[in-house]
Amino acid sequence: APGFIFSSYDMVWVRQAPGKGPESVSSINPGGGI
């Protein structure tokens, strides 16, 4: 990811199976501790 995004926001992994809506799988805060 670009640095200005990576350093400022929580980051999230999302997945989507065929015929299904998106599902948030996991997230992490900028510092990595939460």
PDB file of all heavy atoms in Angstrom:
ATOM      1  N   ALA A   1       0.828  -1.203   0.000  1.00  0.00           N
ATOM      2  CA  ALA A   1       0.000   0.000   0.000  1.00  0.00           C
ATOM      3  C   ALA A   1       0.863   1.254   0.000  1.00  0.00           C
ATOM      4  O   ALA A   1       1.993   1.235   0.509  1.00  0.00           O
ATOM      5  CB  ALA A   1      -0.930   0.015   1.205  1.00  0.00           C
ATOM      6  N   PRO A   2       0.369   2.371  -0.551  1.00  0.00           N
ATOM      7  CA  PRO A   2       1.098   3.634  -0.456  1.00  0.00           C
ATOM      8  C   PRO A   2       1.284   4.049   0.997  1.00  0.00           C
ATOM      9  O   PRO A   2       0.423   3.816   1.841  1.00  0.00           O
ATOM     10  CB  PRO A   2       0.196   4.621  -1.205  1.00  0.00           C
ATOM     11  CG  PRO A   2      -0.629   3.769  -2.120  1.00  0.00           C
ATOM     12  CD  PRO A   2      -0.858   2.500  -1.368  1.00  0.00           C
ATOM     13  N   GLY A   3       2.403   4.689   1.284  1.00  0.00           N
ATOM     14  CA  GLY A   3       2.721   5.060   2.650  1.00  0.00           C
ATOM     15  C   GLY A   3       1.704   5.974   3.301  1.00  0.00           C
ATOM     16  O   GLY A   3       1.415   5.825   4.491  1.00  0.00           O
ATOM     17  N   PHE A   4       1.141   6.919   2.549  1.00  0.00           N
ATOM     18  CA  PHE A   4       0.196   7.852   3.159  1.00  0.00           C
ATOM     19  C   PHE A   4      -1.080   7.148   3.606  1.00  0.00           C
ATOM     20  O   PHE A   4      -1.763   7.618   4.517  1.00  0.00           O
ATOM     21  CB  PHE A   4      -0.123   9.007   2.201  1.00  0.00           C
ATOM     22  CG  PHE A   4      -1.150   8.707   1.153  1.00  0.00           C
ATOM     23  CD1 PHE A   4      -2.485   8.994   1.373  1.00  0.00           C
ATOM     24  CD2 PHE A   4      -0.791   8.147  -0.065  1.00  0.00           C
ATOM     25  CE1 PHE A   4      -3.438   8.736   0.415  1.00  0.00           C
ATOM     26  CE2 PHE A   4      -1.736   7.883  -1.037  1.00  0.00           C
ATOM     27  CZ  PHE A   4      -3.058   8.172  -0.793  1.00  0.00           C
ATOM     28  N   ILE A   5      -1.415   6.034   2.987  1.00  0.00           N
ATOM     29  CA  ILE A   5      -2.561   5.235   3.405  1.00  0.00           C
ATOM     30  C   ILE A   5      -2.166   4.333   4.571  1.00  0.00           C
ATOM     31  O   ILE A   5      -2.851   4.268   5.597  1.00  0.00           O
ATOM     32  CB  ILE A   5      -3.086   4.379   2.243  1.00  0.00           C
ATOM     33  CG1 ILE A   5      -3.626   5.275   1.126  1.00  0.00           C
ATOM     34  CG2 ILE A   5      -4.155   3.398   2.727  1.00  0.00           C
ATOM     35  CD1 ILE A   5      -4.030   4.519  -0.122  1.00  0.00           C
ATOM     36  N   PHE A   6      -1.040   3.654   4.421  1.00  0.00           N
ATOM     37  CA  PHE A   6      -0.631   2.652   5.375  1.00  0.00           C
ATOM     38  C   PHE A   6      -0.378   3.233   6.763  1.00  0.00           C
ATOM     39  O   PHE A   6      -0.649   2.583   7.775  1.00  0.00           O
ATOM     40  CB  PHE A   6       0.620   1.937   4.861  1.00  0.00           C
ATOM     41  CG  PHE A   6       0.847   0.588   5.460  1.00  0.00           C
ATOM     42  CD1 PHE A   6       0.096  -0.506   5.058  1.00  0.00           C
ATOM     43  CD2 PHE A   6       1.812   0.407   6.433  1.00  0.00           C
ATOM     44  CE1 PHE A   6       0.310  -1.761   5.608  1.00  0.00           C
ATOM     45  CE2 PHE A   6       2.033  -0.841   6.991  1.00  0.00           C
ATOM     46  CZ  PHE A   6       1.273  -1.928   6.575  1.00  0.00           C
ATOM     47  N   SER A   7       0.134   4.445   6.825  1.00  0.00           N
ATOM     48  CA  SER A   7       0.490   5.057   8.095  1.00  0.00           C
ATOM     49  C   SER A   7      -0.677   5.737   8.797  1.00  0.00           C
ATOM     50  O   SER A   7      -0.559   6.085   9.976  1.00  0.00           O
ATOM     51  CB  SER A   7       1.617   6.068   7.888  1.00  0.00           C
ATOM     52  OG  SER A   7       1.195   7.141   7.075  1.00  0.00           O
ATOM     53  N   SER A   8      -1.797   5.946   8.098  1.00  0.00           N
ATOM     54  CA  SER A   8      -2.877   6.778   8.625  1.00  0.00           C
ATOM     55  C   SER A   8      -4.133   6.023   9.031  1.00  0.00           C
ATOM     56  O   SER A   8      -4.898   6.534   9.849  1.00  0.00           O
ATOM     57  CB  SER A   8      -3.270   7.832   7.588  1.00  0.00           C
ATOM     58  OG  SER A   8      -2.165   8.667   7.267  1.00  0.00           O
ATOM     59  N   TYR A   9      -4.369   4.854   8.466  1.00  0.00           N
ATOM     60  CA  TYR A   9      -5.635   4.158   8.662  1.00  0.00           C
ATOM     61  C   TYR A   9      -5.459   2.741   9.178  1.00  0.00           C
ATOM     62  O   TYR A   9      -4.418   2.119   9.009  1.00  0.00           O
ATOM     63  CB  TYR A   9      -6.402   4.099   7.340  1.00  0.00           C
ATOM     64  CG  TYR A   9      -6.637   5.436   6.688  1.00  0.00           C
ATOM     65  CD1 TYR A   9      -5.930   5.804   5.549  1.00  0.00           C
ATOM     66  CD2 TYR A   9      -7.569   6.323   7.215  1.00  0.00           C
ATOM     67  CE1 TYR A   9      -6.144   7.030   4.947  1.00  0.00           C
ATOM     68  CE2 TYR A   9      -7.783   7.551   6.618  1.00  0.00           C
ATOM     69  CZ  TYR A   9      -7.069   7.905   5.491  1.00  0.00           C
ATOM     70  OH  TYR A   9      -7.285   9.122   4.894  1.00  0.00           O
ATOM     71  N   ASP A  10      -6.516   2.217   9.783  1.00  0.00           N
ATOM     72  CA  ASP A  10      -6.590   0.787  10.030  1.00  0.00           C
ATOM     73  C   ASP A  10      -6.569   0.060   8.686  1.00  0.00           C
ATOM     74  O   ASP A  10      -7.091   0.563   7.689  1.00  0.00           O
ATOM     75  CB  ASP A  10      -7.885   0.423  10.756  1.00  0.00           C
ATOM     76  CG  ASP A  10      -7.914   0.873  12.199  1.00  0.00           C
ATOM     77  OD1 ASP A  10      -6.919   1.445  12.682  1.00  0.00           O
ATOM     78  OD2 ASP A  10      -8.945   0.650  12.856  1.00  0.00           O
ATOM     79  N   MET A  11      -5.978  -1.128   8.670  1.00  0.00           N
ATOM     80  CA  MET A  11      -5.965  -1.949   7.466  1.00  0.00           C
ATOM     81  C   MET A  11      -6.814  -3.195   7.705  1.00  0.00           C
ATOM     82  O   MET A  11      -6.825  -3.749   8.807  1.00  0.00           O
ATOM     83  CB  MET A  11      -4.546  -2.345   7.083  1.00  0.00           C
ATOM     84  CG  MET A  11      -3.639  -1.164   6.745  1.00  0.00           C
ATOM     85  SD  MET A  11      -4.225  -0.196   5.322  1.00  0.00           S
ATOM     86  CE  MET A  11      -4.092  -1.406   3.995  1.00  0.00           C
ATOM     87  N   VAL A  12      -7.511  -3.618   6.655  1.00  0.00           N
ATOM     88  CA  VAL A  12      -8.494  -4.693   6.768  1.00  0.00           C
ATOM     89  C   VAL A  12      -8.310  -5.702   5.638  1.00  0.00           C
ATOM     90  O   VAL A  12      -8.042  -5.322   4.497  1.00  0.00           O
ATOM     91  CB  VAL A  12      -9.936  -4.134   6.702  1.00  0.00           C
ATOM     92  CG1 VAL A  12     -10.954  -5.237   6.969  1.00  0.00           C
ATOM     93  CG2 VAL A  12     -10.115  -2.994   7.687  1.00  0.00           C
ATOM     94  N   TRP A  13      -8.454  -6.973   5.960  1.00  0.00           N
ATOM     95  CA  TRP A  13      -8.595  -8.015   4.947  1.00  0.00           C
ATOM     96  C   TRP A  13     -10.072  -8.357   4.808  1.00  0.00           C
ATOM     97  O   TRP A  13     -10.750  -8.642   5.801  1.00  0.00           O
ATOM     98  CB  TRP A  13      -7.810  -9.277   5.308  1.00  0.00           C
ATOM     99  CG  TRP A  13      -6.338  -9.175   5.070  1.00  0.00           C
ATOM    100  CD1 TRP A  13      -5.364  -8.984   5.997  1.00  0.00           C
ATOM    101  CD2 TRP A  13      -5.667  -9.261   3.808  1.00  0.00           C
ATOM    102  NE1 TRP A  13      -4.129  -8.952   5.407  1.00  0.00           N
ATOM    103  CE2 TRP A  13      -4.282  -9.114   4.059  1.00  0.00           C
ATOM    104  CE3 TRP A  13      -6.085  -9.452   2.488  1.00  0.00           C
ATOM    105  CZ2 TRP A  13      -3.325  -9.149   3.038  1.00  0.00           C
ATOM    106  CZ3 TRP A  13      -5.143  -9.480   1.477  1.00  0.00           C
ATOM    107  CH2 TRP A  13      -3.786  -9.334   1.760  1.00  0.00           C
ATOM    108  N   VAL A  14     -10.561  -8.335   3.569  1.00  0.00           N
ATOM    109  CA  VAL A  14     -11.949  -8.636   3.251  1.00  0.00           C
ATOM    110  C   VAL A  14     -11.972  -9.767   2.237  1.00  0.00           C
ATOM    111  O   VAL A  14     -11.100  -9.840   1.371  1.00  0.00           O
ATOM    112  CB  VAL A  14     -12.669  -7.395   2.677  1.00  0.00           C
ATOM    113  CG1 VAL A  14     -14.135  -7.702   2.376  1.00  0.00           C
ATOM    114  CG2 VAL A  14     -12.563  -6.218   3.643  1.00  0.00           C
ATOM    115  N   ARG A  15     -12.955 -10.653   2.332  1.00  0.00           N
ATOM    116  CA  ARG A  15     -13.083 -11.714   1.343  1.00  0.00           C
ATOM    117  C   ARG A  15     -14.501 -11.756   0.792  1.00  0.00           C
ATOM    118  O   ARG A  15     -15.460 -11.374   1.463  1.00  0.00           O
ATOM    119  CB  ARG A  15     -12.704 -13.081   1.926  1.00  0.00           C
ATOM    120  CG  ARG A  15     -13.655 -13.624   2.982  1.00  0.00           C
ATOM    121  CD  ARG A  15     -13.127 -14.940   3.537  1.00  0.00           C
ATOM    122  NE  ARG A  15     -14.014 -15.525   4.529  1.00  0.00           N
ATOM    123  CZ  ARG A  15     -13.747 -16.623   5.226  1.00  0.00           C
ATOM    124  NH1 ARG A  15     -12.583 -17.256   5.043  1.00  0.00           N
ATOM    125  NH2 ARG A  15     -14.615 -17.087   6.108  1.00  0.00           N
ATOM    126  N   GLN A  16     -14.616 -12.238  -0.449  1.00  0.00           N
ATOM    127  CA  GLN A  16     -15.908 -12.351  -1.092  1.00  0.00           C
ATOM    128  C   GLN A  16     -15.936 -13.611  -1.955  1.00  0.00           C
ATOM    129  O   GLN A  16     -15.125 -13.758  -2.867  1.00  0.00           O
ATOM    130  CB  GLN A  16     -16.216 -11.123  -1.946  1.00  0.00           C
ATOM    131  CG  GLN A  16     -17.617 -11.105  -2.513  1.00  0.00           C
ATOM    132  CD  GLN A  16     -18.015  -9.748  -3.060  1.00  0.00           C
ATOM    133  OE1 GLN A  16     -17.195  -8.854  -3.185  1.00  0.00           O
ATOM    134  NE2 GLN A  16     -19.288  -9.602  -3.383  1.00  0.00           N
ATOM    135  N   ALA A  17     -16.847 -14.509  -1.643  1.00  0.00           N
ATOM    136  CA  ALA A  17     -17.040 -15.727  -2.412  1.00  0.00           C
ATOM    137  C   ALA A  17     -18.068 -15.474  -3.511  1.00  0.00           C
ATOM    138  O   ALA A  17     -18.904 -14.568  -3.388  1.00  0.00           O
ATOM    139  CB  ALA A  17     -17.504 -16.854  -1.502  1.00  0.00           C
ATOM    140  N   PRO A  18     -18.036 -16.264  -4.597  1.00  0.00           N
ATOM    141  CA  PRO A  18     -19.020 -16.084  -5.672  1.00  0.00           C
ATOM    142  C   PRO A  18     -20.448 -16.162  -5.152  1.00  0.00           C
ATOM    143  O   PRO A  18     -20.804 -17.078  -4.414  1.00  0.00           O
ATOM    144  CB  PRO A  18     -18.711 -17.245  -6.623  1.00  0.00           C
ATOM    145  CG  PRO A  18     -17.268 -17.547  -6.385  1.00  0.00           C
ATOM    146  CD  PRO A  18     -17.064 -17.322  -4.912  1.00  0.00           C
ATOM    147  N   GLY A  19     -21.265 -15.184  -5.519  1.00  0.00           N
ATOM    148  CA  GLY A  19     -22.650 -15.159  -5.098  1.00  0.00           C
ATOM    149  C   GLY A  19     -22.873 -14.692  -3.673  1.00  0.00           C
ATOM    150  O   GLY A  19     -24.018 -14.690  -3.208  1.00  0.00           O
ATOM    151  N   LYS A  20     -21.819 -14.309  -2.979  1.00  0.00           N
ATOM    152  CA  LYS A  20     -21.920 -13.858  -1.601  1.00  0.00           C
ATOM    153  C   LYS A  20     -21.478 -12.405  -1.470  1.00  0.00           C
ATOM    154  O   LYS A  20     -20.759 -11.877  -2.318  1.00  0.00           O
ATOM    155  CB  LYS A  20     -21.056 -14.732  -0.682  1.00  0.00           C
ATOM    156  CG  LYS A  20     -21.386 -16.211  -0.701  1.00  0.00           C
ATOM    157  CD  LYS A  20     -22.712 -16.500  -0.043  1.00  0.00           C
ATOM    158  CE  LYS A  20     -22.966 -18.004   0.033  1.00  0.00           C
ATOM    159  NZ  LYS A  20     -24.254 -18.313   0.701  1.00  0.00           N
ATOM    160  N   GLY A  21     -21.897 -11.774  -0.393  1.00  0.00           N
ATOM    161  CA  GLY A  21     -21.457 -10.431  -0.104  1.00  0.00           C
ATOM    162  C   GLY A  21     -20.084 -10.424   0.548  1.00  0.00           C
ATOM    163  O   GLY A  21     -19.587 -11.454   0.993  1.00  0.00           O
ATOM    164  N   PRO A  22     -19.453  -9.257   0.621  1.00  0.00           N
ATOM    165  CA  PRO A  22     -18.127  -9.177   1.244  1.00  0.00           C
ATOM    166  C   PRO A  22     -18.183  -9.447   2.743  1.00  0.00           C
ATOM    167  O   PRO A  22     -19.168  -9.115   3.417  1.00  0.00           O
ATOM    168  CB  PRO A  22     -17.694  -7.737   0.957  1.00  0.00           C
ATOM    169  CG  PRO A  22     -18.972  -6.980   0.769  1.00  0.00           C
ATOM    170  CD  PRO A  22     -19.922  -7.945   0.130  1.00  0.00           C
ATOM    171  N   GLU A  23     -17.119 -10.045   3.255  1.00  0.00           N
ATOM    172  CA  GLU A  23     -16.993 -10.365   4.677  1.00  0.00           C
ATOM    173  C   GLU A  23     -15.667  -9.838   5.189  1.00  0.00           C
ATOM    174  O   GLU A  23     -14.610 -10.191   4.664  1.00  0.00           O
ATOM    175  CB  GLU A  23     -17.075 -11.876   4.900  1.00  0.00           C
ATOM    176  CG  GLU A  23     -16.852 -12.300   6.345  1.00  0.00           C
ATOM    177  CD  GLU A  23     -16.709 -13.800   6.518  1.00  0.00           C
ATOM    178  OE1 GLU A  23     -16.531 -14.510   5.506  1.00  0.00           O
ATOM    179  OE2 GLU A  23     -16.784 -14.274   7.675  1.00  0.00           O
ATOM    180  N   SER A  24     -15.713  -9.004   6.221  1.00  0.00           N
ATOM    181  CA  SER A  24     -14.484  -8.536   6.858  1.00  0.00           C
ATOM    182  C   SER A  24     -13.883  -9.669   7.667  1.00  0.00           C
ATOM    183  O   SER A  24     -14.534 -10.217   8.557  1.00  0.00           O
ATOM    184  CB  SER A  24     -14.764  -7.326   7.747  1.00  0.00           C
ATOM    185  OG  SER A  24     -15.189  -6.212   6.979  1.00  0.00           O
ATOM    186  N   VAL A  25     -12.637 -10.002   7.386  1.00  0.00           N
ATOM    187  CA  VAL A  25     -11.979 -11.144   7.999  1.00  0.00           C
ATOM    188  C   VAL A  25     -11.137 -10.738   9.199  1.00  0.00           C
ATOM    189  O   VAL A  25     -11.217 -11.347  10.267  1.00  0.00           O
ATOM    190  CB  VAL A  25     -11.100 -11.873   6.966  1.00  0.00           C
ATOM    191  CG1 VAL A  25     -10.322 -13.008   7.630  1.00  0.00           C
ATOM    192  CG2 VAL A  25     -11.965 -12.410   5.830  1.00  0.00           C
ATOM    193  N   SER A  26     -10.324  -9.698   9.028  1.00  0.00           N
ATOM    194  CA  SER A  26      -9.413  -9.290  10.091  1.00  0.00           C
ATOM    195  C   SER A  26      -8.952  -7.864   9.852  1.00  0.00           C
ATOM    196  O   SER A  26      -8.876  -7.416   8.709  1.00  0.00           O
ATOM    197  CB  SER A  26      -8.207 -10.242  10.152  1.00  0.00           C
ATOM    198  OG  SER A  26      -7.419 -10.006  11.302  1.00  0.00           O
ATOM    199  N   SER A  27      -8.634  -7.143  10.926  1.00  0.00           N
ATOM    200  CA  SER A  27      -8.162  -5.773  10.824  1.00  0.00           C
ATOM    201  C   SER A  27      -7.044  -5.520  11.817  1.00  0.00           C
ATOM    202  O   SER A  27      -6.883  -6.244  12.803  1.00  0.00           O
ATOM    203  CB  SER A  27      -9.314  -4.782  11.042  1.00  0.00           C
ATOM    204  OG  SER A  27      -9.822  -4.882  12.358  1.00  0.00           O
ATOM    205  N   ILE A  28      -6.285  -4.451  11.565  1.00  0.00           N
ATOM    206  CA  ILE A  28      -5.158  -4.101  12.416  1.00  0.00           C
ATOM    207  C   ILE A  28      -4.981  -2.590  12.413  1.00  0.00           C
ATOM    208  O   ILE A  28      -5.153  -1.932  11.392  1.00  0.00           O
ATOM    209  CB  ILE A  28      -3.875  -4.832  11.938  1.00  0.00           C
ATOM    210  CG1 ILE A  28      -2.735  -4.655  12.941  1.00  0.00           C
ATOM    211  CG2 ILE A  28      -3.470  -4.363  10.549  1.00  0.00           C
ATOM    212  CD1 ILE A  28      -1.569  -5.602  12.662  1.00  0.00           C
ATOM    213  N   ASN A  29      -4.641  -2.017  13.568  1.00  0.00           N
ATOM    214  CA  ASN A  29      -4.478  -0.576  13.676  1.00  0.00           C
ATOM    215  C   ASN A  29      -3.105  -0.151  13.151  1.00  0.00           C
ATOM    216  O   ASN A  29      -2.243  -0.990  12.895  1.00  0.00           O
ATOM    217  CB  ASN A  29      -4.683  -0.131  15.129  1.00  0.00           C
ATOM    218  CG  ASN A  29      -3.520  -0.484  16.031  1.00  0.00           C
ATOM    219  OD1 ASN A  29      -2.992  -1.595  15.973  1.00  0.00           O
ATOM    220  ND2 ASN A  29      -3.109   0.464  16.859  1.00  0.00           N
ATOM    221  N   PRO A  30      -2.885   1.162  12.961  1.00  0.00           N
ATOM    222  CA  PRO A  30      -1.609   1.610  12.369  1.00  0.00           C
ATOM    223  C   PRO A  30      -0.363   1.120  13.098  1.00  0.00           C
ATOM    224  O   PRO A  30       0.637   0.802  12.452  1.00  0.00           O
ATOM    225  CB  PRO A  30      -1.726   3.134  12.410  1.00  0.00           C
ATOM    226  CG  PRO A  30      -3.190   3.389  12.293  1.00  0.00           C
ATOM    227  CD  PRO A  30      -3.831   2.292  13.098  1.00  0.00           C
ATOM    228  N   GLY A  31      -0.400   1.081  14.422  1.00  0.00           N
ATOM    229  CA  GLY A  31       0.759   0.645  15.182  1.00  0.00           C
ATOM    230  C   GLY A  31       0.960  -0.853  15.208  1.00  0.00           C
ATOM    231  O   GLY A  31       2.049  -1.323  15.566  1.00  0.00           O
ATOM    232  N   GLY A  32      -0.070  -1.607  14.870  1.00  0.00           N
ATOM    233  CA  GLY A  32       0.035  -3.058  14.821  1.00  0.00           C
ATOM    234  C   GLY A  32      -0.282  -3.772  16.118  1.00  0.00           C
ATOM    235  O   GLY A  32      -0.244  -5.005  16.158  1.00  0.00           O
ATOM    236  N   GLY A  33      -0.606  -3.029  17.173  1.00  0.00           N
ATOM    237  CA  GLY A  33      -0.833  -3.652  18.461  1.00  0.00           C
ATOM    238  C   GLY A  33      -2.262  -4.033  18.766  1.00  0.00           C
ATOM    239  O   GLY A  33      -2.511  -4.724  19.762  1.00  0.00           O
ATOM    240  N   ILE A  34      -3.201  -3.582  17.950  1.00  0.00           N
ATOM    241  CA  ILE A  34      -4.612  -3.876  18.165  1.00  0.00           C
ATOM    242  C   ILE A  34      -5.163  -4.557  16.930  1.00  0.00           C
ATOM    243  O   ILE A  34      -5.095  -4.008  15.828  1.00  0.00           O
ATOM    244  CB  ILE A  34      -5.411  -2.595  18.466  1.00  0.00           C
ATOM    245  CG1 ILE A  34      -4.832  -1.871  19.683  1.00  0.00           C
ATOM    246  CG2 ILE A  34      -6.881  -2.934  18.697  1.00  0.00           C
ATOM    247  CD1 ILE A  34      -5.470  -0.528  19.957  1.00  0.00           C
TER     248      ILE A  34
END
